[in-house]
Each structure stands twice: as structure tokens, then as C-alpha cells.
Amino acid sequence: MISFIQGKIITKKENSLTVLTAGWVGYEVGLQTEKCASLEVGNEVGLHTYLRVSENAMDLYGFETLEEKDFFELLISVNGIGPKSALNILGLGSLDEIQNAISNSDVDYLTKVSGVGKRTAERLTVELKSKVEVQKSKVVEKAGSVMGDAIDGLVSLGYSKEEARQVVKDLDVEGKTGEQLLREALKGAGK
């Protein structure tokens, strides 16, 4: 299974690019159209990937974060949602917006995707509503743990609990460790 790919972009299409790895192997990777447009030929890229093996092909799909990849896998688990539709759904907005639409059974929002009709959107909300809520709670729990690590670090450096909370509360925790968050907090606090 190919779960991550890193290399130089050598060609680019509307919704895919070819990445040349250090081993001189080029892999075609399907991406969301918006993400693909933001990448340039000649630049280095690292992508989490999902390999789909079917009777006729082996297709590789790329994602900037593991959260996007996990959500993509959740989307394609729904009958009627294939990889291309799942990529289009991911292109609707941020992960939070899409998950909120599913949690709130917002069928109109989901039918904006090419190839997703009302029935498929309804099936998507019914099948994924509870799974999305569990996934969102895990992200909040993880963010809370990372913030807690940063707050504990600041307290050990002489900050009061309240000062530490104030310093950390506005920092972006996505994809960061407690140590990275602590460094950012120290830069922001000026101590």
C-alpha cells in the first residue's frame, strides 16, 4: 500500500499531477481541482495517499493532511460515492463545513457536488452522521490534549494557569504537537 508520496511535480492536469520520487518513479496522483491548481510544476510536494485497486486500474489519490484522507475513506464507504465524487465533496469547503453539513443533514449543500443527487446526499447524511460526530469529537479531544500539553509547559516555565490559557487560546493547533504549540506560545508571549 502506498500511504505517502514525496517528490517533484513533473506534470499537472486539471485534477491530477505526476510526482517523480527520489527513486525515479513517477506516480500519477488524483487531487481536488482547487488543490491541484495551487501546486506548480517543478515544486516539491508531499502527499498522504489512498490507493484504490479495481479490476481495471490502480488509482492513487492525494491529500495534504491525514484528516482529509480519513474523511475521504469515510465518504467512499457510502454506497454511490466513488473516489471522484468524494474528491468533489472535499472541494466544497473546509472539512468542518462539510462535516457540519452532514451532521445537520444539509442535503442542499451536498447536492452542489457534480454527480451527487438528492438521494445520494440523503444516504450520505444518514450513513455518516454518527461517524462524523465521533470523528469530530476525536479531533476536539486531540486538540484539547495538545493545548493541555502547551499550557502545562507554560506553567512549568512560571506562568499562572490563567496566563497560560490566555496565551494558548488563539493559537492554531491543527497538525501540531504540544512542543510546537509551546514554542509558538512563547514567541507570542515574548518571554
N, C-alpha and C. Protein backbone atom coordinates (compact mmCIF):
# COMPACT_ATOMS: atom_id res chain seq x y z
N MET A 1 0.85 -1.19 0.00
CA MET A 1 0.00 0.00 0.00
C MET A 1 0.89 1.24 0.00
N ILE A 2 0.58 2.17 -0.85
CA ILE A 2 1.31 3.44 -0.90
C ILE A 2 0.54 4.43 -0.04
N SER A 3 1.10 4.83 1.10
CA SER A 3 0.37 5.71 2.00
C SER A 3 0.91 7.13 2.03
N PHE A 4 2.09 7.37 1.47
CA PHE A 4 2.65 8.72 1.40
C PHE A 4 3.58 8.78 0.21
N ILE A 5 3.57 9.90 -0.47
CA ILE A 5 4.46 10.07 -1.62
C ILE A 5 5.07 11.46 -1.55
N GLN A 6 6.36 11.53 -1.84
CA GLN A 6 7.05 12.81 -1.83
C GLN A 6 7.97 12.88 -3.04
N GLY A 7 7.98 14.02 -3.70
CA GLY A 7 8.84 14.20 -4.85
C GLY A 7 8.54 15.48 -5.59
N LYS A 8 9.07 15.56 -6.79
CA LYS A 8 8.95 16.75 -7.63
C LYS A 8 7.78 16.59 -8.60
N ILE A 9 6.98 17.62 -8.73
CA ILE A 9 5.86 17.61 -9.67
C ILE A 9 6.43 17.79 -11.08
N ILE A 10 6.18 16.80 -11.96
CA ILE A 10 6.73 16.92 -13.32
C ILE A 10 5.66 17.22 -14.37
N THR A 11 4.42 16.86 -14.12
CA THR A 11 3.31 17.26 -15.00
C THR A 11 2.07 17.52 -14.15
N LYS A 12 1.16 18.29 -14.73
CA LYS A 12 -0.04 18.64 -13.99
C LYS A 12 -1.21 18.73 -14.96
N LYS A 13 -2.34 18.15 -14.56
CA LYS A 13 -3.60 18.26 -15.30
C LYS A 13 -4.60 18.98 -14.40
N GLU A 14 -5.85 19.03 -14.80
CA GLU A 14 -6.86 19.75 -14.02
C GLU A 14 -7.04 19.18 -12.62
N ASN A 15 -7.07 17.83 -12.52
CA ASN A 15 -7.30 17.22 -11.20
C ASN A 15 -6.34 16.08 -10.91
N SER A 16 -5.15 16.13 -11.49
CA SER A 16 -4.12 15.15 -11.15
C SER A 16 -2.75 15.72 -11.48
N LEU A 17 -1.74 15.13 -10.89
CA LEU A 17 -0.37 15.51 -11.19
C LEU A 17 0.51 14.29 -11.13
N THR A 18 1.66 14.39 -11.76
CA THR A 18 2.62 13.30 -11.72
C THR A 18 3.77 13.72 -10.83
N VAL A 19 4.06 12.89 -9.83
CA VAL A 19 5.12 13.16 -8.86
C VAL A 19 6.27 12.21 -9.13
N LEU A 20 7.46 12.77 -9.38
CA LEU A 20 8.66 11.98 -9.59
C LEU A 20 9.37 11.82 -8.24
N THR A 21 9.47 10.59 -7.77
CA THR A 21 10.08 10.33 -6.47
C THR A 21 11.60 10.26 -6.58
N ALA A 22 12.26 10.17 -5.44
CA ALA A 22 13.72 10.08 -5.40
C ALA A 22 14.21 8.81 -6.08
N GLY A 23 13.38 7.80 -6.18
CA GLY A 23 13.73 6.54 -6.83
C GLY A 23 13.49 6.58 -8.33
N TRP A 24 13.22 7.77 -8.87
CA TRP A 24 13.00 7.97 -10.30
C TRP A 24 11.77 7.23 -10.83
N VAL A 25 10.74 7.14 -9.99
CA VAL A 25 9.47 6.56 -10.41
C VAL A 25 8.43 7.69 -10.36
N GLY A 26 7.67 7.85 -11.44
CA GLY A 26 6.63 8.87 -11.49
C GLY A 26 5.27 8.26 -11.19
N TYR A 27 4.56 8.86 -10.25
CA TYR A 27 3.23 8.39 -9.86
C TYR A 27 2.20 9.45 -10.21
N GLU A 28 1.13 9.03 -10.89
CA GLU A 28 0.03 9.95 -11.14
C GLU A 28 -0.88 9.93 -9.92
N VAL A 29 -1.17 11.12 -9.38
CA VAL A 29 -1.95 11.24 -8.16
C VAL A 29 -3.16 12.13 -8.44
N GLY A 30 -4.36 11.62 -8.16
CA GLY A 30 -5.58 12.40 -8.30
C GLY A 30 -5.74 13.32 -7.10
N LEU A 31 -6.14 14.56 -7.37
CA LEU A 31 -6.31 15.56 -6.31
C LEU A 31 -7.60 16.34 -6.53
N GLN A 32 -8.01 17.09 -5.51
CA GLN A 32 -9.11 18.03 -5.67
C GLN A 32 -8.64 19.08 -6.67
N THR A 33 -9.53 19.55 -7.51
CA THR A 33 -9.19 20.51 -8.55
C THR A 33 -8.54 21.76 -7.97
N GLU A 34 -9.07 22.28 -6.85
CA GLU A 34 -8.53 23.50 -6.24
C GLU A 34 -7.11 23.29 -5.73
N LYS A 35 -6.86 22.14 -5.11
CA LYS A 35 -5.52 21.84 -4.59
C LYS A 35 -4.53 21.69 -5.74
N CYS A 36 -4.98 21.02 -6.79
CA CYS A 36 -4.12 20.81 -7.95
C CYS A 36 -3.73 22.14 -8.58
N ALA A 37 -4.69 23.06 -8.66
CA ALA A 37 -4.43 24.38 -9.26
C ALA A 37 -3.42 25.18 -8.45
N SER A 38 -3.36 24.94 -7.14
CA SER A 38 -2.46 25.71 -6.29
C SER A 38 -1.01 25.19 -6.33
N LEU A 39 -0.78 24.03 -6.92
CA LEU A 39 0.56 23.45 -6.99
C LEU A 39 1.19 23.74 -8.35
N GLU A 40 2.52 23.92 -8.36
CA GLU A 40 3.23 24.27 -9.58
C GLU A 40 4.18 23.16 -10.02
N VAL A 41 4.28 22.96 -11.33
CA VAL A 41 5.23 22.01 -11.90
C VAL A 41 6.64 22.46 -11.51
N GLY A 42 7.47 21.52 -11.09
CA GLY A 42 8.84 21.82 -10.67
C GLY A 42 9.01 21.93 -9.16
N ASN A 43 7.91 22.12 -8.44
CA ASN A 43 7.97 22.21 -6.97
C ASN A 43 7.95 20.83 -6.33
N GLU A 44 8.46 20.76 -5.12
CA GLU A 44 8.40 19.53 -4.32
C GLU A 44 7.04 19.45 -3.64
N VAL A 45 6.55 18.24 -3.48
CA VAL A 45 5.27 18.04 -2.81
C VAL A 45 5.33 16.75 -1.99
N GLY A 46 4.63 16.74 -0.88
CA GLY A 46 4.46 15.54 -0.06
C GLY A 46 2.98 15.35 0.18
N LEU A 47 2.46 14.17 -0.14
CA LEU A 47 1.03 13.93 -0.02
C LEU A 47 0.75 12.59 0.66
N HIS A 48 -0.23 12.59 1.56
CA HIS A 48 -0.77 11.34 2.08
C HIS A 48 -1.60 10.77 0.95
N THR A 49 -1.56 9.46 0.76
CA THR A 49 -2.24 8.89 -0.39
C THR A 49 -3.16 7.73 -0.02
N TYR A 50 -4.12 7.51 -0.91
CA TYR A 50 -5.03 6.37 -0.82
C TYR A 50 -4.93 5.64 -2.15
N LEU A 51 -4.61 4.36 -2.11
CA LEU A 51 -4.50 3.54 -3.32
C LEU A 51 -5.78 2.74 -3.48
N ARG A 52 -6.45 2.95 -4.62
CA ARG A 52 -7.68 2.21 -4.92
C ARG A 52 -7.36 1.20 -6.02
N VAL A 53 -7.54 -0.05 -5.70
CA VAL A 53 -7.28 -1.12 -6.66
C VAL A 53 -8.62 -1.67 -7.13
N SER A 54 -8.82 -1.64 -8.45
CA SER A 54 -10.03 -2.21 -9.02
C SER A 54 -9.64 -3.23 -10.08
N GLU A 55 -10.62 -3.81 -10.70
CA GLU A 55 -10.37 -4.83 -11.72
C GLU A 55 -9.57 -4.27 -12.90
N ASN A 56 -9.81 -3.00 -13.23
CA ASN A 56 -9.20 -2.41 -14.41
C ASN A 56 -8.06 -1.43 -14.15
N ALA A 57 -7.87 -1.00 -12.91
CA ALA A 57 -6.87 0.05 -12.67
C ALA A 57 -6.42 0.07 -11.22
N MET A 58 -5.31 0.77 -11.03
CA MET A 58 -4.82 1.11 -9.69
C MET A 58 -4.71 2.63 -9.68
N ASP A 59 -5.56 3.29 -8.89
CA ASP A 59 -5.60 4.75 -8.85
C ASP A 59 -5.10 5.25 -7.50
N LEU A 60 -4.30 6.30 -7.55
CA LEU A 60 -3.72 6.90 -6.36
C LEU A 60 -4.32 8.28 -6.16
N TYR A 61 -4.81 8.56 -4.95
CA TYR A 61 -5.41 9.85 -4.63
C TYR A 61 -4.61 10.50 -3.52
N GLY A 62 -4.37 11.82 -3.63
CA GLY A 62 -3.51 12.51 -2.67
C GLY A 62 -4.24 13.53 -1.81
N PHE A 63 -3.69 13.72 -0.58
CA PHE A 63 -4.29 14.63 0.40
C PHE A 63 -3.19 15.33 1.19
N GLU A 64 -3.43 16.58 1.55
CA GLU A 64 -2.45 17.34 2.33
C GLU A 64 -2.36 16.84 3.77
N THR A 65 -3.49 16.43 4.34
CA THR A 65 -3.50 16.01 5.74
C THR A 65 -4.10 14.61 5.89
N LEU A 66 -3.76 13.97 7.00
CA LEU A 66 -4.34 12.66 7.30
C LEU A 66 -5.84 12.76 7.56
N GLU A 67 -6.27 13.90 8.11
CA GLU A 67 -7.70 14.10 8.38
C GLU A 67 -8.49 14.07 7.08
N GLU A 68 -7.95 14.74 6.03
CA GLU A 68 -8.62 14.72 4.73
C GLU A 68 -8.69 13.29 4.18
N LYS A 69 -7.58 12.57 4.30
CA LYS A 69 -7.53 11.19 3.79
C LYS A 69 -8.55 10.32 4.54
N ASP A 70 -8.58 10.42 5.86
CA ASP A 70 -9.52 9.63 6.66
C ASP A 70 -10.97 9.95 6.28
N PHE A 71 -11.25 11.24 6.06
CA PHE A 71 -12.61 11.63 5.69
C PHE A 71 -12.95 11.14 4.30
N PHE A 72 -11.99 11.16 3.38
CA PHE A 72 -12.18 10.62 2.04
C PHE A 72 -12.57 9.14 2.13
N GLU A 73 -11.85 8.38 2.95
CA GLU A 73 -12.15 6.95 3.11
C GLU A 73 -13.55 6.74 3.69
N LEU A 74 -13.95 7.63 4.58
CA LEU A 74 -15.29 7.57 5.16
C LEU A 74 -16.34 7.84 4.07
N LEU A 75 -16.08 8.82 3.22
CA LEU A 75 -17.01 9.17 2.15
C LEU A 75 -17.18 8.02 1.16
N ILE A 76 -16.08 7.38 0.75
CA ILE A 76 -16.20 6.32 -0.25
C ILE A 76 -16.79 5.03 0.33
N SER A 77 -16.95 4.98 1.64
CA SER A 77 -17.60 3.82 2.24
C SER A 77 -19.11 3.84 2.01
N VAL A 78 -19.63 4.98 1.58
CA VAL A 78 -21.06 5.12 1.32
C VAL A 78 -21.37 4.63 -0.09
N ASN A 79 -22.37 3.76 -0.20
CA ASN A 79 -22.80 3.24 -1.49
C ASN A 79 -23.20 4.40 -2.41
N GLY A 80 -22.62 4.45 -3.60
CA GLY A 80 -22.94 5.51 -4.55
C GLY A 80 -21.93 6.64 -4.58
N ILE A 81 -20.99 6.64 -3.65
CA ILE A 81 -19.94 7.67 -3.63
C ILE A 81 -18.62 7.01 -4.01
N GLY A 82 -18.13 7.37 -5.18
CA GLY A 82 -16.84 6.88 -5.64
C GLY A 82 -15.74 7.88 -5.32
N PRO A 83 -14.51 7.55 -5.63
CA PRO A 83 -13.38 8.44 -5.33
C PRO A 83 -13.50 9.84 -5.94
N LYS A 84 -13.97 9.91 -7.18
CA LYS A 84 -14.07 11.23 -7.83
C LYS A 84 -15.14 12.08 -7.16
N SER A 85 -16.27 11.48 -6.81
CA SER A 85 -17.32 12.22 -6.10
C SER A 85 -16.82 12.64 -4.72
N ALA A 86 -16.08 11.76 -4.05
CA ALA A 86 -15.54 12.08 -2.73
C ALA A 86 -14.58 13.26 -2.81
N LEU A 87 -13.72 13.29 -3.84
CA LEU A 87 -12.81 14.43 -4.02
C LEU A 87 -13.61 15.71 -4.27
N ASN A 88 -14.67 15.62 -5.06
CA ASN A 88 -15.51 16.79 -5.32
C ASN A 88 -16.20 17.27 -4.03
N ILE A 89 -16.62 16.33 -3.20
CA ILE A 89 -17.24 16.71 -1.92
C ILE A 89 -16.20 17.43 -1.05
N LEU A 90 -14.97 16.91 -1.02
CA LEU A 90 -13.92 17.58 -0.24
C LEU A 90 -13.63 18.98 -0.76
N GLY A 91 -13.92 19.22 -2.04
CA GLY A 91 -13.70 20.54 -2.63
C GLY A 91 -14.80 21.54 -2.31
N LEU A 92 -15.88 21.11 -1.64
CA LEU A 92 -16.99 22.01 -1.30
C LEU A 92 -16.58 23.11 -0.33
N GLY A 93 -15.67 22.79 0.57
CA GLY A 93 -15.29 23.75 1.61
C GLY A 93 -14.32 23.09 2.57
N SER A 94 -14.22 23.68 3.75
CA SER A 94 -13.33 23.12 4.76
C SER A 94 -13.93 21.82 5.29
N LEU A 95 -13.08 21.01 5.92
CA LEU A 95 -13.54 19.75 6.49
C LEU A 95 -14.66 20.00 7.51
N ASP A 96 -14.51 21.05 8.32
CA ASP A 96 -15.53 21.38 9.32
C ASP A 96 -16.87 21.70 8.66
N GLU A 97 -16.84 22.48 7.57
CA GLU A 97 -18.09 22.85 6.89
C GLU A 97 -18.79 21.62 6.34
N ILE A 98 -18.03 20.73 5.74
CA ILE A 98 -18.61 19.53 5.15
C ILE A 98 -19.16 18.61 6.24
N GLN A 99 -18.39 18.45 7.31
CA GLN A 99 -18.85 17.60 8.41
C GLN A 99 -20.09 18.18 9.08
N ASN A 100 -20.13 19.51 9.21
CA ASN A 100 -21.32 20.16 9.78
C ASN A 100 -22.53 19.95 8.88
N ALA A 101 -22.33 20.02 7.56
CA ALA A 101 -23.44 19.79 6.62
C ALA A 101 -23.98 18.38 6.78
N ILE A 102 -23.09 17.42 6.95
CA ILE A 102 -23.52 16.03 7.14
C ILE A 102 -24.23 15.88 8.49
N SER A 103 -23.65 16.45 9.54
CA SER A 103 -24.26 16.36 10.88
C SER A 103 -25.64 17.00 10.92
N ASN A 104 -25.80 18.10 10.15
CA ASN A 104 -27.08 18.83 10.15
C ASN A 104 -28.01 18.37 9.04
N SER A 105 -27.65 17.29 8.34
CA SER A 105 -28.44 16.75 7.23
C SER A 105 -28.76 17.82 6.18
N ASP A 106 -27.77 18.63 5.85
CA ASP A 106 -27.92 19.71 4.86
C ASP A 106 -27.74 19.14 3.45
N VAL A 107 -28.81 18.55 2.93
CA VAL A 107 -28.80 17.90 1.63
C VAL A 107 -28.53 18.91 0.51
N ASP A 108 -29.09 20.12 0.63
CA ASP A 108 -28.89 21.14 -0.41
C ASP A 108 -27.41 21.47 -0.59
N TYR A 109 -26.68 21.58 0.50
CA TYR A 109 -25.24 21.87 0.44
C TYR A 109 -24.51 20.74 -0.29
N LEU A 110 -24.85 19.51 0.02
CA LEU A 110 -24.15 18.36 -0.55
C LEU A 110 -24.49 18.12 -2.02
N THR A 111 -25.68 18.54 -2.45
CA THR A 111 -26.06 18.34 -3.85
C THR A 111 -25.40 19.34 -4.79
N LYS A 112 -24.62 20.26 -4.27
CA LYS A 112 -23.86 21.20 -5.11
C LYS A 112 -22.74 20.48 -5.84
N VAL A 113 -22.43 19.27 -5.40
CA VAL A 113 -21.35 18.49 -6.00
C VAL A 113 -21.85 17.81 -7.26
N SER A 114 -21.05 17.90 -8.31
CA SER A 114 -21.37 17.22 -9.56
C SER A 114 -21.42 15.70 -9.31
N GLY A 115 -22.52 15.08 -9.72
CA GLY A 115 -22.66 13.64 -9.56
C GLY A 115 -23.31 13.21 -8.26
N VAL A 116 -23.65 14.16 -7.39
CA VAL A 116 -24.32 13.82 -6.13
C VAL A 116 -25.74 14.40 -6.18
N GLY A 117 -26.69 13.51 -6.32
CA GLY A 117 -28.10 13.92 -6.35
C GLY A 117 -28.69 13.91 -4.95
N LYS A 118 -29.97 14.22 -4.88
CA LYS A 118 -30.65 14.32 -3.59
C LYS A 118 -30.64 12.99 -2.83
N ARG A 119 -30.91 11.89 -3.53
CA ARG A 119 -30.92 10.58 -2.87
C ARG A 119 -29.56 10.21 -2.29
N THR A 120 -28.52 10.44 -3.09
CA THR A 120 -27.16 10.11 -2.63
C THR A 120 -26.78 11.00 -1.44
N ALA A 121 -27.14 12.28 -1.52
CA ALA A 121 -26.85 13.20 -0.41
C ALA A 121 -27.58 12.77 0.86
N GLU A 122 -28.83 12.32 0.71
CA GLU A 122 -29.59 11.85 1.88
C GLU A 122 -28.94 10.60 2.46
N ARG A 123 -28.53 9.68 1.59
CA ARG A 123 -27.87 8.46 2.06
C ARG A 123 -26.57 8.81 2.79
N LEU A 124 -25.86 9.77 2.23
CA LEU A 124 -24.60 10.22 2.84
C LEU A 124 -24.83 10.74 4.26
N THR A 125 -25.84 11.57 4.43
CA THR A 125 -26.10 12.12 5.77
C THR A 125 -26.57 11.05 6.74
N VAL A 126 -27.41 10.13 6.27
CA VAL A 126 -27.92 9.08 7.15
C VAL A 126 -26.79 8.14 7.59
N GLU A 127 -25.97 7.71 6.63
CA GLU A 127 -24.93 6.74 6.94
C GLU A 127 -23.75 7.33 7.72
N LEU A 128 -23.46 8.61 7.50
CA LEU A 128 -22.24 9.17 8.09
C LEU A 128 -22.47 10.09 9.29
N LYS A 129 -23.69 10.45 9.57
CA LYS A 129 -23.96 11.42 10.64
C LYS A 129 -23.28 11.02 11.96
N SER A 130 -23.50 9.81 12.43
CA SER A 130 -22.92 9.40 13.71
C SER A 130 -21.40 9.24 13.61
N LYS A 131 -20.91 8.75 12.46
CA LYS A 131 -19.46 8.57 12.28
C LYS A 131 -18.74 9.91 12.25
N VAL A 132 -19.35 10.92 11.61
CA VAL A 132 -18.76 12.25 11.54
C VAL A 132 -18.69 12.87 12.93
N GLU A 133 -19.74 12.69 13.71
CA GLU A 133 -19.76 13.25 15.06
C GLU A 133 -18.68 12.60 15.94
N VAL A 134 -18.46 11.30 15.79
CA VAL A 134 -17.39 10.62 16.52
C VAL A 134 -16.04 11.14 16.07
N GLN A 135 -15.85 11.30 14.76
CA GLN A 135 -14.58 11.78 14.21
C GLN A 135 -14.30 13.20 14.71
N LYS A 136 -15.33 14.07 14.71
CA LYS A 136 -15.15 15.44 15.18
C LYS A 136 -14.79 15.47 16.67
N SER A 137 -15.38 14.60 17.47
CA SER A 137 -15.07 14.59 18.90
C SER A 137 -13.63 14.14 19.14
N LYS A 138 -13.11 13.23 18.30
CA LYS A 138 -11.72 12.80 18.43
C LYS A 138 -10.76 13.95 18.12
N VAL A 139 -11.09 14.77 17.10
CA VAL A 139 -10.25 15.92 16.74
C VAL A 139 -10.25 16.93 17.88
N VAL A 140 -11.43 17.19 18.45
CA VAL A 140 -11.51 18.13 19.57
C VAL A 140 -10.73 17.61 20.76
N GLU A 141 -10.84 16.31 21.04
CA GLU A 141 -10.12 15.68 22.14
C GLU A 141 -8.61 15.81 21.93
N LYS A 142 -8.15 15.55 20.71
CA LYS A 142 -6.72 15.64 20.39
C LYS A 142 -6.24 17.08 20.53
N ALA A 143 -7.03 18.05 20.02
CA ALA A 143 -6.66 19.46 20.12
C ALA A 143 -6.58 19.86 21.59
N GLY A 144 -7.53 19.38 22.40
CA GLY A 144 -7.52 19.69 23.83
C GLY A 144 -6.29 19.14 24.52
N SER A 145 -5.86 17.95 24.13
CA SER A 145 -4.68 17.34 24.72
C SER A 145 -3.42 18.10 24.34
N VAL A 146 -3.32 18.55 23.08
CA VAL A 146 -2.17 19.32 22.62
C VAL A 146 -2.13 20.66 23.34
N MET A 147 -3.29 21.30 23.45
CA MET A 147 -3.36 22.58 24.18
C MET A 147 -2.99 22.38 25.64
N GLY A 148 -3.46 21.29 26.21
CA GLY A 148 -3.13 20.99 27.60
C GLY A 148 -1.64 20.82 27.81
N ASP A 149 -0.97 20.16 26.87
CA ASP A 149 0.49 19.99 26.94
C ASP A 149 1.18 21.35 26.90
N ALA A 150 0.73 22.24 26.01
CA ALA A 150 1.34 23.57 25.89
C ALA A 150 1.09 24.38 27.16
N ILE A 151 -0.11 24.29 27.72
CA ILE A 151 -0.43 25.03 28.95
C ILE A 151 0.44 24.51 30.10
N ASP A 152 0.56 23.17 30.21
CA ASP A 152 1.41 22.59 31.26
C ASP A 152 2.86 23.06 31.11
N GLY A 153 3.33 23.14 29.87
CA GLY A 153 4.70 23.61 29.62
C GLY A 153 4.89 25.05 30.06
N LEU A 154 3.91 25.90 29.77
CA LEU A 154 4.00 27.31 30.18
C LEU A 154 3.96 27.44 31.70
N VAL A 155 3.11 26.63 32.34
CA VAL A 155 3.03 26.66 33.82
C VAL A 155 4.37 26.26 34.42
N SER A 156 5.01 25.24 33.84
CA SER A 156 6.31 24.81 34.36
C SER A 156 7.40 25.87 34.15
N LEU A 157 7.14 26.82 33.23
CA LEU A 157 8.09 27.91 32.99
C LEU A 157 7.77 29.16 33.81
N GLY A 158 6.76 29.07 34.67
CA GLY A 158 6.48 30.17 35.57
C GLY A 158 5.20 30.94 35.31
N TYR A 159 4.47 30.60 34.29
CA TYR A 159 3.19 31.25 34.03
C TYR A 159 2.13 30.70 34.98
N SER A 160 1.14 31.53 35.29
CA SER A 160 -0.01 31.01 36.04
C SER A 160 -0.89 30.25 35.05
N LYS A 161 -1.77 29.39 35.56
CA LYS A 161 -2.65 28.61 34.68
C LYS A 161 -3.48 29.55 33.79
N GLU A 162 -3.99 30.63 34.37
CA GLU A 162 -4.82 31.57 33.62
C GLU A 162 -4.02 32.29 32.53
N GLU A 163 -2.80 32.72 32.86
CA GLU A 163 -1.94 33.36 31.84
C GLU A 163 -1.65 32.39 30.70
N ALA A 164 -1.36 31.16 31.05
CA ALA A 164 -1.04 30.14 30.05
C ALA A 164 -2.23 29.91 29.13
N ARG A 165 -3.43 29.82 29.70
CA ARG A 165 -4.64 29.63 28.88
C ARG A 165 -4.84 30.79 27.91
N GLN A 166 -4.63 32.02 28.41
CA GLN A 166 -4.79 33.20 27.57
C GLN A 166 -3.81 33.20 26.40
N VAL A 167 -2.58 32.80 26.65
CA VAL A 167 -1.55 32.78 25.62
C VAL A 167 -1.86 31.73 24.56
N VAL A 168 -2.37 30.56 24.97
CA VAL A 168 -2.57 29.42 24.07
C VAL A 168 -3.91 29.46 23.34
N LYS A 169 -4.92 30.13 23.89
CA LYS A 169 -6.29 30.00 23.39
C LYS A 169 -6.48 30.38 21.92
N ASP A 170 -5.71 31.33 21.38
CA ASP A 170 -5.92 31.76 20.00
C ASP A 170 -4.98 31.11 19.00
N LEU A 171 -4.15 30.18 19.46
CA LEU A 171 -3.20 29.53 18.55
C LEU A 171 -3.89 28.44 17.75
N ASP A 172 -3.43 28.25 16.51
CA ASP A 172 -3.95 27.19 15.64
C ASP A 172 -3.28 25.87 16.03
N VAL A 173 -4.06 24.88 16.46
CA VAL A 173 -3.50 23.62 16.94
C VAL A 173 -3.43 22.53 15.87
N GLU A 174 -4.07 22.76 14.73
CA GLU A 174 -4.19 21.70 13.72
C GLU A 174 -2.82 21.21 13.24
N GLY A 175 -2.61 19.90 13.40
CA GLY A 175 -1.39 19.26 12.90
C GLY A 175 -0.14 19.56 13.71
N LYS A 176 -0.29 20.11 14.90
CA LYS A 176 0.88 20.49 15.70
C LYS A 176 0.98 19.65 16.96
N THR A 177 2.21 19.49 17.43
CA THR A 177 2.44 18.80 18.69
C THR A 177 2.38 19.82 19.82
N GLY A 178 2.33 19.33 21.05
CA GLY A 178 2.34 20.22 22.21
C GLY A 178 3.60 21.07 22.26
N GLU A 179 4.73 20.47 21.85
CA GLU A 179 6.01 21.19 21.84
C GLU A 179 5.99 22.35 20.84
N GLN A 180 5.47 22.10 19.65
CA GLN A 180 5.39 23.15 18.63
C GLN A 180 4.47 24.27 19.10
N LEU A 181 3.36 23.90 19.71
CA LEU A 181 2.42 24.89 20.22
C LEU A 181 3.05 25.71 21.34
N LEU A 182 3.84 25.06 22.19
CA LEU A 182 4.53 25.75 23.27
C LEU A 182 5.50 26.77 22.71
N ARG A 183 6.26 26.41 21.67
CA ARG A 183 7.19 27.36 21.04
C ARG A 183 6.44 28.59 20.51
N GLU A 184 5.33 28.33 19.82
CA GLU A 184 4.52 29.44 19.29
C GLU A 184 4.00 30.33 20.42
N ALA A 185 3.57 29.69 21.49
CA ALA A 185 3.04 30.45 22.63
C ALA A 185 4.13 31.33 23.23
N LEU A 186 5.34 30.80 23.34
CA LEU A 186 6.45 31.57 23.90
C LEU A 186 6.83 32.75 23.00
N LYS A 187 6.80 32.53 21.70
CA LYS A 187 7.07 33.64 20.76
C LYS A 187 6.02 34.72 20.89
N GLY A 188 4.77 34.30 21.00
CA GLY A 188 3.67 35.24 21.11
C GLY A 188 3.65 35.99 22.43
N ALA A 189 4.08 35.32 23.48
CA ALA A 189 4.06 35.94 24.81
C ALA A 189 5.27 36.83 25.04
N GLY A 190 6.33 36.60 24.29
CA GLY A 190 7.53 37.42 24.42
C GLY A 190 8.35 37.13 25.65
N LYS A 191 8.24 35.94 26.21
CA LYS A 191 9.04 35.59 27.40
C LYS A 191 10.13 34.64 27.03
